[in-house]
Amino acid sequence: MAQEMIDLVAQTLVKAGSSFRLDQKEAYRKAISKESNNHTKWVMSQVLDNAEVAEKCLCPLCDDTGIPHIYIEIGKNRSVSGAMLEDIREGVRQGLRQLPGRPMAIKGNDNQRIDQSGGLDEDPAALDHAPIILREHEDDDKIRLTVLMLGGGPAIRGITHRIFHKHSVQVVLDEIVERAKTAVSQLGCSPCTLAVGIGRSQYEATALMMDAMAHGNYDQQTEFESEITRRINEAGIGALGLGGDTSVLATFAKVGPQRASGVRVVALRPCCCFEPRRASVEF
């Protein structure tokens, strides 16, 4: 089982880093067919062509191959052991070598890693995955593992902030839209997919944003998500900031439990034109 688990994780990481999902491809095709700006239409066509080539050769979608983020959903009749977590870590290491991931791990102690004075580790597998998120699986007898490969540009433009809601969903939505417009316009590698989490703390909002990326579907958009997408697209930023009708392909939003407070904590990530780079496996 250990080697099977390692192989499954490695294959899932390679797929996440090299392939668009079907709903993602269709979202691009629809946006291209409706786009009125020839520059933005050309950019999106190039992104889609790049994705088709990457999938065929199992090579990275982008030079920034991303940091692996592991999302595990566990049915109540299943369990995850320490040994399984080590197999997952080894699967990540092997997947990074197979993709291959870009060498990005910084060597050294805390200070050296902060200022990069320790230098780069040439082994792509030295890039450890982010802390694992565990959730419940809707199927009692299944475990689903999702790999998200998340790049640096969206992390730089990502925002976690508090909003005074004033007992109005519209107030919260308006501020998300305004902040997202700035983030999208500054990102560069667009069109974006926006990921939004709304929770009671910075940690919870970010975890909900991860939920949104792990489960979001371009074919299924709530009224809340659709309004965010529509209003940002009306700003005319366009792909790579070139103007046009398509700045955002879709919004993936997850609203969690809320507390009796005047504040809502929102985490927002303007995912780049290749993200969310995502693949899942069940066992």
C-alpha atoms as a PDB file:
ATOM      1  CA  MET A   1       0.000   0.000   0.000  1.00  0.00           C
ATOM      2  CA  ALA A   2       2.855   2.398   0.806  1.00  0.00           C
ATOM      3  CA  GLN A   3       4.318   2.357  -2.714  1.00  0.00           C
ATOM      4  CA  GLU A   4       0.850   2.519  -4.264  1.00  0.00           C
ATOM      5  CA  MET A   5       0.075   5.597  -2.161  1.00  0.00           C
ATOM      6  CA  ILE A   6       3.388   7.222  -3.080  1.00  0.00           C
ATOM      7  CA  ASP A   7       2.768   6.612  -6.784  1.00  0.00           C
ATOM      8  CA  LEU A   8      -0.817   7.943  -6.614  1.00  0.00           C
ATOM      9  CA  VAL A   9       0.288  11.155  -4.917  1.00  0.00           C
ATOM     10  CA  ALA A  10       3.150  11.660  -7.388  1.00  0.00           C
ATOM     11  CA  GLN A  11       0.830  11.128 -10.378  1.00  0.00           C
ATOM     12  CA  THR A  12      -1.773  13.497  -8.908  1.00  0.00           C
ATOM     13  CA  LEU A  13       0.834  16.222  -8.368  1.00  0.00           C
ATOM     14  CA  VAL A  14       2.097  15.889 -11.950  1.00  0.00           C
ATOM     15  CA  LYS A  15      -1.468  16.077 -13.268  1.00  0.00           C
ATOM     16  CA  ALA A  16      -2.225  19.156 -11.160  1.00  0.00           C
ATOM     17  CA  GLY A  17       0.890  20.918 -12.415  1.00  0.00           C
ATOM     18  CA  SER A  18       0.463  20.027 -16.079  1.00  0.00           C
ATOM     19  CA  SER A  19      -3.245  19.812 -16.915  1.00  0.00           C
ATOM     20  CA  PHE A  20      -6.398  21.909 -17.137  1.00  0.00           C
ATOM     21  CA  ARG A  21      -9.620  20.260 -16.005  1.00  0.00           C
ATOM     22  CA  LEU A  22     -12.486  19.900 -18.499  1.00  0.00           C
ATOM     23  CA  ASP A  23     -14.534  22.696 -16.895  1.00  0.00           C
ATOM     24  CA  GLN A  24     -11.469  24.954 -16.966  1.00  0.00           C
ATOM     25  CA  LYS A  25     -10.905  24.344 -20.685  1.00  0.00           C
ATOM     26  CA  GLU A  26     -14.562  24.993 -21.439  1.00  0.00           C
ATOM     27  CA  ALA A  27     -14.485  28.248 -19.444  1.00  0.00           C
ATOM     28  CA  TYR A  28     -11.614  29.445 -21.645  1.00  0.00           C
ATOM     29  CA  ARG A  29     -13.395  28.400 -24.847  1.00  0.00           C
ATOM     30  CA  LYS A  30     -16.552  30.267 -23.845  1.00  0.00           C
ATOM     31  CA  ALA A  31     -14.597  33.373 -22.856  1.00  0.00           C
ATOM     32  CA  ILE A  32     -12.628  33.341 -26.123  1.00  0.00           C
ATOM     33  CA  SER A  33     -15.802  33.019 -28.194  1.00  0.00           C
ATOM     34  CA  LYS A  34     -17.407  36.019 -26.456  1.00  0.00           C
ATOM     35  CA  GLU A  35     -14.347  38.293 -26.134  1.00  0.00           C
ATOM     36  CA  SER A  36     -14.529  41.522 -28.154  1.00  0.00           C
ATOM     37  CA  ASN A  37     -10.948  42.673 -27.554  1.00  0.00           C
ATOM     38  CA  ASN A  38      -8.562  40.983 -29.999  1.00  0.00           C
ATOM     39  CA  HIS A  39      -5.555  41.324 -27.676  1.00  0.00           C
ATOM     40  CA  THR A  40      -7.300  39.618 -24.771  1.00  0.00           C
ATOM     41  CA  LYS A  41      -8.752  36.995 -27.117  1.00  0.00           C
ATOM     42  CA  TRP A  42      -5.218  36.229 -28.373  1.00  0.00           C
ATOM     43  CA  VAL A  43      -3.817  35.947 -24.831  1.00  0.00           C
ATOM     44  CA  MET A  44      -6.532  33.495 -23.765  1.00  0.00           C
ATOM     45  CA  SER A  45      -6.034  31.434 -26.922  1.00  0.00           C
ATOM     46  CA  GLN A  46      -2.320  31.206 -26.164  1.00  0.00           C
ATOM     47  CA  VAL A  47      -3.006  30.135 -22.575  1.00  0.00           C
ATOM     48  CA  LEU A  48      -5.377  27.394 -23.759  1.00  0.00           C
ATOM     49  CA  ASP A  49      -2.941  26.210 -26.453  1.00  0.00           C
ATOM     50  CA  ASN A  50      -0.163  26.115 -23.838  1.00  0.00           C
ATOM     51  CA  ALA A  51      -2.367  24.015 -21.558  1.00  0.00           C
ATOM     52  CA  GLU A  52      -3.098  21.513 -24.340  1.00  0.00           C
ATOM     53  CA  VAL A  53       0.616  21.080 -25.041  1.00  0.00           C
ATOM     54  CA  ALA A  54       1.500  20.789 -21.332  1.00  0.00           C
ATOM     55  CA  GLU A  55      -1.116  18.089 -20.838  1.00  0.00           C
ATOM     56  CA  LYS A  56       0.155  16.039 -23.781  1.00  0.00           C
ATOM     57  CA  CYS A  57       3.778  16.072 -22.634  1.00  0.00           C
ATOM     58  CA  LEU A  58       3.056  16.132 -18.871  1.00  0.00           C
ATOM     59  CA  CYS A  59       5.214  19.217 -18.457  1.00  0.00           C
ATOM     60  CA  PRO A  60       4.584  22.270 -16.254  1.00  0.00           C
ATOM     61  CA  LEU A  61       1.852  24.713 -17.225  1.00  0.00           C
ATOM     62  CA  CYS A  62       4.058  27.590 -16.045  1.00  0.00           C
ATOM     63  CA  ASP A  63       7.692  28.286 -15.172  1.00  0.00           C
ATOM     64  CA  ASP A  64       6.481  29.035 -11.638  1.00  0.00           C
ATOM     65  CA  THR A  65       5.543  25.413 -10.955  1.00  0.00           C
ATOM     66  CA  GLY A  66       4.060  26.309  -7.579  1.00  0.00           C
ATOM     67  CA  ILE A  67       4.109  25.210  -3.961  1.00  0.00           C
ATOM     68  CA  PRO A  68       2.261  21.908  -3.315  1.00  0.00           C
ATOM     69  CA  HIS A  69      -0.773  22.309  -1.055  1.00  0.00           C
ATOM     70  CA  ILE A  70      -2.378  19.056   0.127  1.00  0.00           C
ATOM     71  CA  TYR A  71      -6.101  18.867   0.910  1.00  0.00           C
ATOM     72  CA  ILE A  72      -7.425  15.591   2.349  1.00  0.00           C
ATOM     73  CA  GLU A  73     -11.080  14.632   2.856  1.00  0.00           C
ATOM     74  CA  ILE A  74     -11.692  11.614   5.108  1.00  0.00           C
ATOM     75  CA  GLY A  75     -14.831   9.483   5.389  1.00  0.00           C
ATOM     76  CA  LYS A  76     -15.886   8.585   8.935  1.00  0.00           C
ATOM     77  CA  ASN A  77     -15.032   4.906   8.381  1.00  0.00           C
ATOM     78  CA  ARG A  78     -11.485   5.716   7.243  1.00  0.00           C
ATOM     79  CA  SER A  79      -8.424   7.079   8.997  1.00  0.00           C
ATOM     80  CA  VAL A  80      -5.121   8.777   8.187  1.00  0.00           C
ATOM     81  CA  SER A  81      -2.032   7.581  10.031  1.00  0.00           C
ATOM     82  CA  GLY A  82       1.366   9.110  10.515  1.00  0.00           C
ATOM     83  CA  ALA A  83       2.783   6.493   8.150  1.00  0.00           C
ATOM     84  CA  MET A  84       0.271   7.540   5.466  1.00  0.00           C
ATOM     85  CA  LEU A  85       1.267  11.183   5.887  1.00  0.00           C
ATOM     86  CA  GLU A  86       4.908  10.220   5.358  1.00  0.00           C
ATOM     87  CA  ASP A  87       3.914   8.303   2.200  1.00  0.00           C
ATOM     88  CA  ILE A  88       2.097  11.423   1.000  1.00  0.00           C
ATOM     89  CA  ARG A  89       5.200  13.507   1.660  1.00  0.00           C
ATOM     90  CA  GLU A  90       7.336  11.039  -0.290  1.00  0.00           C
ATOM     91  CA  GLY A  91       4.774  11.084  -3.120  1.00  0.00           C
ATOM     92  CA  VAL A  92       5.051  14.872  -3.235  1.00  0.00           C
ATOM     93  CA  ARG A  93       8.838  14.619  -3.418  1.00  0.00           C
ATOM     94  CA  GLN A  94       8.706  12.112  -6.269  1.00  0.00           C
ATOM     95  CA  GLY A  95       6.060  14.118  -8.113  1.00  0.00           C
ATOM     96  CA  LEU A  96       8.171  17.273  -7.918  1.00  0.00           C
ATOM     97  CA  ARG A  97      11.070  15.408  -9.488  1.00  0.00           C
ATOM     98  CA  GLN A  98       8.853  13.947 -12.229  1.00  0.00           C
ATOM     99  CA  LEU A  99       7.045  17.175 -13.193  1.00  0.00           C
ATOM    100  CA  PRO A 100       9.726  18.584 -12.700  1.00  0.00           C
ATOM    101  CA  GLY A 101       9.153  21.355 -10.203  1.00  0.00           C
ATOM    102  CA  ARG A 102      11.304  24.454 -10.352  1.00  0.00           C
ATOM    103  CA  PRO A 103      14.030  24.382  -7.667  1.00  0.00           C
ATOM    104  CA  MET A 104      12.739  26.973  -5.203  1.00  0.00           C
ATOM    105  CA  ALA A 105      13.631  25.660  -1.741  1.00  0.00           C
ATOM    106  CA  ILE A 106      15.946  27.921   0.255  1.00  0.00           C
ATOM    107  CA  LYS A 107      18.622  26.225   2.373  1.00  0.00           C
ATOM    108  CA  GLY A 108      19.815  27.298   5.799  1.00  0.00           C
ATOM    109  CA  ASN A 109      18.487  28.409   9.183  1.00  0.00           C
ATOM    110  CA  ASP A 110      15.525  30.720   9.803  1.00  0.00           C
ATOM    111  CA  ASN A 111      17.411  33.905   9.013  1.00  0.00           C
ATOM    112  CA  GLN A 112      19.078  32.433   5.930  1.00  0.00           C
ATOM    113  CA  ARG A 113      15.749  31.252   4.577  1.00  0.00           C
ATOM    114  CA  ILE A 114      14.233  34.679   5.103  1.00  0.00           C
ATOM    115  CA  ASP A 115      16.995  36.615   3.351  1.00  0.00           C
ATOM    116  CA  GLN A 116      17.880  33.797   0.892  1.00  0.00           C
ATOM    117  CA  SER A 117      21.534  33.885   1.898  1.00  0.00           C
ATOM    118  CA  GLY A 118      21.548  30.079   2.283  1.00  0.00           C
ATOM    119  CA  GLY A 119      21.182  29.615  -1.456  1.00  0.00           C
ATOM    120  CA  LEU A 120      18.876  27.381  -3.485  1.00  0.00           C
ATOM    121  CA  ASP A 121      18.602  23.629  -3.158  1.00  0.00           C
ATOM    122  CA  GLU A 122      18.936  22.214  -6.676  1.00  0.00           C
ATOM    123  CA  ASP A 123      16.638  19.262  -5.913  1.00  0.00           C
ATOM    124  CA  PRO A 124      12.988  20.121  -6.784  1.00  0.00           C
ATOM    125  CA  ALA A 125      11.929  17.627  -4.079  1.00  0.00           C
ATOM    126  CA  ALA A 126      13.447  19.834  -1.362  1.00  0.00           C
ATOM    127  CA  LEU A 127      10.380  22.079  -1.744  1.00  0.00           C
ATOM    128  CA  ASP A 128       8.253  20.823   1.152  1.00  0.00           C
ATOM    129  CA  HIS A 129       4.475  20.967   0.839  1.00  0.00           C
ATOM    130  CA  ALA A 130       2.400  23.486   2.793  1.00  0.00           C
ATOM    131  CA  PRO A 131       0.608  22.358   5.998  1.00  0.00           C
ATOM    132  CA  ILE A 132      -2.036  19.748   5.178  1.00  0.00           C
ATOM    133  CA  ILE A 133      -5.744  20.616   5.472  1.00  0.00           C
ATOM    134  CA  LEU A 134      -8.076  17.840   6.677  1.00  0.00           C
ATOM    135  CA  ARG A 135     -11.826  17.814   6.020  1.00  0.00           C
ATOM    136  CA  GLU A 136     -14.715  15.338   6.193  1.00  0.00           C
ATOM    137  CA  HIS A 137     -15.559  13.315   3.047  1.00  0.00           C
ATOM    138  CA  GLU A 138     -19.234  12.958   2.122  1.00  0.00           C
ATOM    139  CA  ASP A 139     -18.642   9.253   1.423  1.00  0.00           C
ATOM    140  CA  ASP A 140     -18.041   7.398   4.700  1.00  0.00           C
ATOM    141  CA  ASP A 141     -15.729   4.866   3.053  1.00  0.00           C
ATOM    142  CA  LYS A 142     -13.550   7.159   0.925  1.00  0.00           C
ATOM    143  CA  ILE A 143     -10.467   9.303   1.257  1.00  0.00           C
ATOM    144  CA  ARG A 144      -9.979  12.012  -1.369  1.00  0.00           C
ATOM    145  CA  LEU A 145      -6.600  13.693  -1.739  1.00  0.00           C
ATOM    146  CA  THR A 146      -6.361  16.916  -3.708  1.00  0.00           C
ATOM    147  CA  VAL A 147      -3.108  18.562  -4.765  1.00  0.00           C
ATOM    148  CA  LEU A 148      -3.120  22.294  -5.454  1.00  0.00           C
ATOM    149  CA  MET A 149       0.008  23.820  -7.010  1.00  0.00           C
ATOM    150  CA  LEU A 150      -0.071  27.482  -6.008  1.00  0.00           C
ATOM    151  CA  GLY A 151       2.250  30.070  -7.543  1.00  0.00           C
ATOM    152  CA  GLY A 152       3.939  33.143  -6.141  1.00  0.00           C
ATOM    153  CA  GLY A 153       2.256  35.931  -8.116  1.00  0.00           C
ATOM    154  CA  PRO A 154      -1.251  35.286  -6.749  1.00  0.00           C
ATOM    155  CA  ALA A 155       0.181  34.918  -3.225  1.00  0.00           C
ATOM    156  CA  ILE A 156       1.826  38.349  -3.546  1.00  0.00           C
ATOM    157  CA  ARG A 157      -1.473  39.921  -4.668  1.00  0.00           C
ATOM    158  CA  GLY A 158      -3.612  37.935  -2.226  1.00  0.00           C
ATOM    159  CA  ILE A 159      -5.392  39.806   0.563  1.00  0.00           C
ATOM    160  CA  THR A 160      -6.695  38.840   4.017  1.00  0.00           C
ATOM    161  CA  HIS A 161      -8.671  41.658   5.572  1.00  0.00           C
ATOM    162  CA  ARG A 162     -11.612  42.527   7.783  1.00  0.00           C
ATOM    163  CA  ILE A 163     -14.824  44.072   6.482  1.00  0.00           C
ATOM    164  CA  PHE A 164     -17.357  45.922   8.658  1.00  0.00           C
ATOM    165  CA  HIS A 165     -20.473  44.305   7.202  1.00  0.00           C
ATOM    166  CA  LYS A 166     -23.061  46.832   8.545  1.00  0.00           C
ATOM    167  CA  HIS A 167     -25.639  44.025   8.478  1.00  0.00           C
ATOM    168  CA  SER A 168     -25.527  43.954   4.687  1.00  0.00           C
ATOM    169  CA  VAL A 169     -24.289  41.265   2.321  1.00  0.00           C
ATOM    170  CA  GLN A 170     -24.005  43.965  -0.331  1.00  0.00           C
ATOM    171  CA  VAL A 171     -21.505  45.929   1.755  1.00  0.00           C
ATOM    172  CA  VAL A 172     -19.286  42.859   2.016  1.00  0.00           C
ATOM    173  CA  LEU A 173     -19.675  42.063  -1.669  1.00  0.00           C
ATOM    174  CA  ASP A 174     -18.901  45.670  -2.695  1.00  0.00           C
ATOM    175  CA  GLU A 175     -15.648  45.701  -0.737  1.00  0.00           C
ATOM    176  CA  ILE A 176     -14.587  42.299  -2.091  1.00  0.00           C
ATOM    177  CA  VAL A 177     -15.161  43.595  -5.628  1.00  0.00           C
ATOM    178  CA  GLU A 178     -13.175  46.790  -5.077  1.00  0.00           C
ATOM    179  CA  ARG A 179     -10.237  44.998  -3.502  1.00  0.00           C
ATOM    180  CA  ALA A 180     -10.329  42.296  -6.171  1.00  0.00           C
ATOM    181  CA  LYS A 181     -10.242  44.886  -8.975  1.00  0.00           C
ATOM    182  CA  THR A 182      -6.955  46.220  -7.633  1.00  0.00           C
ATOM    183  CA  ALA A 183      -5.510  42.738  -7.136  1.00  0.00           C
ATOM    184  CA  VAL A 184      -6.514  41.602 -10.640  1.00  0.00           C
ATOM    185  CA  SER A 185      -5.151  44.745 -12.290  1.00  0.00           C
ATOM    186  CA  GLN A 186      -1.791  44.315 -10.519  1.00  0.00           C
ATOM    187  CA  LEU A 187      -1.410  40.562 -11.032  1.00  0.00           C
ATOM    188  CA  GLY A 188      -0.369  40.591 -14.677  1.00  0.00           C
ATOM    189  CA  CYS A 189      -0.900  36.913 -15.510  1.00  0.00           C
ATOM    190  CA  SER A 190      -4.641  37.111 -16.041  1.00  0.00           C
ATOM    191  CA  PRO A 191      -7.486  36.278 -16.742  1.00  0.00           C
ATOM    192  CA  CYS A 192      -7.940  35.278 -13.128  1.00  0.00           C
ATOM    193  CA  THR A 193     -10.068  32.885 -11.200  1.00  0.00           C
ATOM    194  CA  LEU A 194     -10.890  34.532  -7.888  1.00  0.00           C
ATOM    195  CA  ALA A 195     -10.840  32.407  -4.734  1.00  0.00           C
ATOM    196  CA  VAL A 196     -12.660  33.854  -1.712  1.00  0.00           C
ATOM    197  CA  GLY A 197     -13.119  32.586   1.840  1.00  0.00           C
ATOM    198  CA  ILE A 198     -15.232  34.351   4.482  1.00  0.00           C
ATOM    199  CA  GLY A 199     -14.738  33.243   8.091  1.00  0.00           C
ATOM    200  CA  ARG A 200     -14.294  34.259  11.706  1.00  0.00           C
ATOM    201  CA  SER A 201     -10.493  34.504  11.786  1.00  0.00           C
ATOM    202  CA  GLN A 202      -7.589  34.844   9.397  1.00  0.00           C
ATOM    203  CA  TYR A 203      -6.907  31.110   9.631  1.00  0.00           C
ATOM    204  CA  GLU A 204     -10.516  30.108   8.997  1.00  0.00           C
ATOM    205  CA  ALA A 205     -10.978  32.542   6.115  1.00  0.00           C
ATOM    206  CA  THR A 206      -7.826  31.197   4.445  1.00  0.00           C
ATOM    207  CA  ALA A 207      -8.901  27.578   5.007  1.00  0.00           C
ATOM    208  CA  LEU A 208     -12.279  28.389   3.436  1.00  0.00           C
ATOM    209  CA  MET A 209     -10.492  29.986   0.494  1.00  0.00           C
ATOM    210  CA  MET A 210      -8.601  26.699   0.100  1.00  0.00           C
ATOM    211  CA  ASP A 211     -11.954  24.849   0.241  1.00  0.00           C
ATOM    212  CA  ALA A 212     -13.202  27.066  -2.565  1.00  0.00           C
ATOM    213  CA  MET A 213     -10.174  26.289  -4.737  1.00  0.00           C
ATOM    214  CA  ALA A 214     -10.393  22.558  -3.997  1.00  0.00           C
ATOM    215  CA  HIS A 215     -14.077  22.305  -4.960  1.00  0.00           C
ATOM    216  CA  GLY A 216     -14.823  25.254  -7.249  1.00  0.00           C
ATOM    217  CA  ASN A 217     -16.392  24.509 -10.633  1.00  0.00           C
ATOM    218  CA  TYR A 218     -16.528  26.896 -13.590  1.00  0.00           C
ATOM    219  CA  ASP A 219     -19.888  25.439 -14.618  1.00  0.00           C
ATOM    220  CA  GLN A 220     -21.531  26.007 -11.223  1.00  0.00           C
ATOM    221  CA  GLN A 221     -21.631  29.581  -9.994  1.00  0.00           C
ATOM    222  CA  THR A 222     -23.792  30.992  -7.205  1.00  0.00           C
ATOM    223  CA  GLU A 223     -25.440  34.400  -7.513  1.00  0.00           C
ATOM    224  CA  PHE A 224     -22.826  35.771  -5.084  1.00  0.00           C
ATOM    225  CA  GLU A 225     -19.957  34.410  -7.193  1.00  0.00           C
ATOM    226  CA  SER A 226     -21.492  35.508 -10.495  1.00  0.00           C
ATOM    227  CA  GLU A 227     -21.968  39.094  -9.315  1.00  0.00           C
ATOM    228  CA  ILE A 228     -18.321  39.389  -8.270  1.00  0.00           C
ATOM    229  CA  THR A 229     -17.164  38.053 -11.640  1.00  0.00           C
ATOM    230  CA  ARG A 230     -19.535  40.260 -13.624  1.00  0.00           C
ATOM    231  CA  ARG A 231     -18.631  43.474 -11.818  1.00  0.00           C
ATOM    232  CA  ILE A 232     -14.878  42.954 -12.101  1.00  0.00           C
ATOM    233  CA  ASN A 233     -15.204  42.133 -15.793  1.00  0.00           C
ATOM    234  CA  GLU A 234     -17.167  45.350 -16.262  1.00  0.00           C
ATOM    235  CA  ALA A 235     -14.024  47.231 -15.147  1.00  0.00           C
ATOM    236  CA  GLY A 236     -12.462  46.274 -18.503  1.00  0.00           C
ATOM    237  CA  ILE A 237      -9.038  45.227 -17.157  1.00  0.00           C
ATOM    238  CA  GLY A 238      -8.723  42.299 -19.570  1.00  0.00           C
ATOM    239  CA  ALA A 239      -6.099  39.574 -19.889  1.00  0.00           C
ATOM    240  CA  LEU A 240      -2.610  40.879 -18.999  1.00  0.00           C
ATOM    241  CA  GLY A 241      -4.295  44.228 -18.399  1.00  0.00           C
ATOM    242  CA  LEU A 242      -4.843  44.722 -22.150  1.00  0.00           C
ATOM    243  CA  GLY A 243      -8.497  45.659 -21.817  1.00  0.00           C
ATOM    244  CA  GLY A 244     -11.556  43.739 -22.846  1.00  0.00           C
ATOM    245  CA  ASP A 245     -14.468  41.749 -21.484  1.00  0.00           C
ATOM    246  CA  THR A 246     -12.597  39.001 -19.607  1.00  0.00           C
ATOM    247  CA  SER A 247     -10.579  39.853 -16.530  1.00  0.00           C
ATOM    248  CA  VAL A 248     -12.027  37.016 -14.424  1.00  0.00           C
ATOM    249  CA  LEU A 249     -13.236  33.637 -15.701  1.00  0.00           C
ATOM    250  CA  ALA A 250     -15.119  32.734 -12.508  1.00  0.00           C
ATOM    251  CA  THR A 251     -15.217  33.221  -8.748  1.00  0.00           C
ATOM    252  CA  PHE A 252     -14.939  30.351  -6.281  1.00  0.00           C
ATOM    253  CA  ALA A 253     -16.291  31.477  -2.892  1.00  0.00           C
ATOM    254  CA  LYS A 254     -16.886  29.645   0.372  1.00  0.00           C
ATOM    255  CA  VAL A 255     -18.752  31.201   3.320  1.00  0.00           C
ATOM    256  CA  GLY A 256     -18.204  29.503   6.669  1.00  0.00           C
ATOM    257  CA  PRO A 257     -19.755  29.909  10.118  1.00  0.00           C
ATOM    258  CA  GLN A 258     -19.911  33.509  11.315  1.00  0.00           C
ATOM    259  CA  ARG A 259     -19.798  35.078  14.757  1.00  0.00           C
ATOM    260  CA  ALA A 260     -21.957  37.794  16.335  1.00  0.00           C
ATOM    261  CA  SER A 261     -19.660  40.657  15.399  1.00  0.00           C
ATOM    262  CA  GLY A 262     -19.550  43.697  13.193  1.00  0.00           C
ATOM    263  CA  VAL A 263     -16.627  42.213  11.265  1.00  0.00           C
ATOM    264  CA  ARG A 264     -16.261  39.546   8.600  1.00  0.00           C
ATOM    265  CA  VAL A 265     -12.758  38.269   7.791  1.00  0.00           C
ATOM    266  CA  VAL A 266     -12.178  37.730   4.073  1.00  0.00           C
ATOM    267  CA  ALA A 267      -9.290  35.939   2.348  1.00  0.00           C
ATOM    268  CA  LEU A 268      -9.000  36.642  -1.382  1.00  0.00           C
ATOM    269  CA  ARG A 269      -6.597  35.131  -3.910  1.00  0.00           C
ATOM    270  CA  PRO A 270      -6.530  36.298  -7.546  1.00  0.00           C
ATOM    271  CA  CYS A 271      -5.522  32.930  -9.040  1.00  0.00           C
ATOM    272  CA  CYS A 272      -3.455  33.372 -12.203  1.00  0.00           C
ATOM    273  CA  CYS A 273      -4.458  32.262 -15.700  1.00  0.00           C
ATOM    274  CA  PHE A 274      -3.295  28.671 -14.961  1.00  0.00           C
ATOM    275  CA  GLU A 275      -4.771  28.337 -11.484  1.00  0.00           C
ATOM    276  CA  PRO A 276      -6.226  26.709  -9.546  1.00  0.00           C
ATOM    277  CA  ARG A 277      -3.823  23.985 -10.716  1.00  0.00           C
ATOM    278  CA  ARG A 278      -5.677  21.107  -9.135  1.00  0.00           C
ATOM    279  CA  ALA A 279      -6.026  17.329  -9.366  1.00  0.00           C
ATOM    280  CA  SER A 280      -7.614  14.753  -7.038  1.00  0.00           C
ATOM    281  CA  VAL A 281      -7.499  11.028  -6.393  1.00  0.00           C
ATOM    282  CA  GLU A 282      -9.783   8.817  -4.273  1.00  0.00           C
ATOM    283  CA  PHE A 283      -8.836   5.601  -2.518  1.00  0.00           C
END
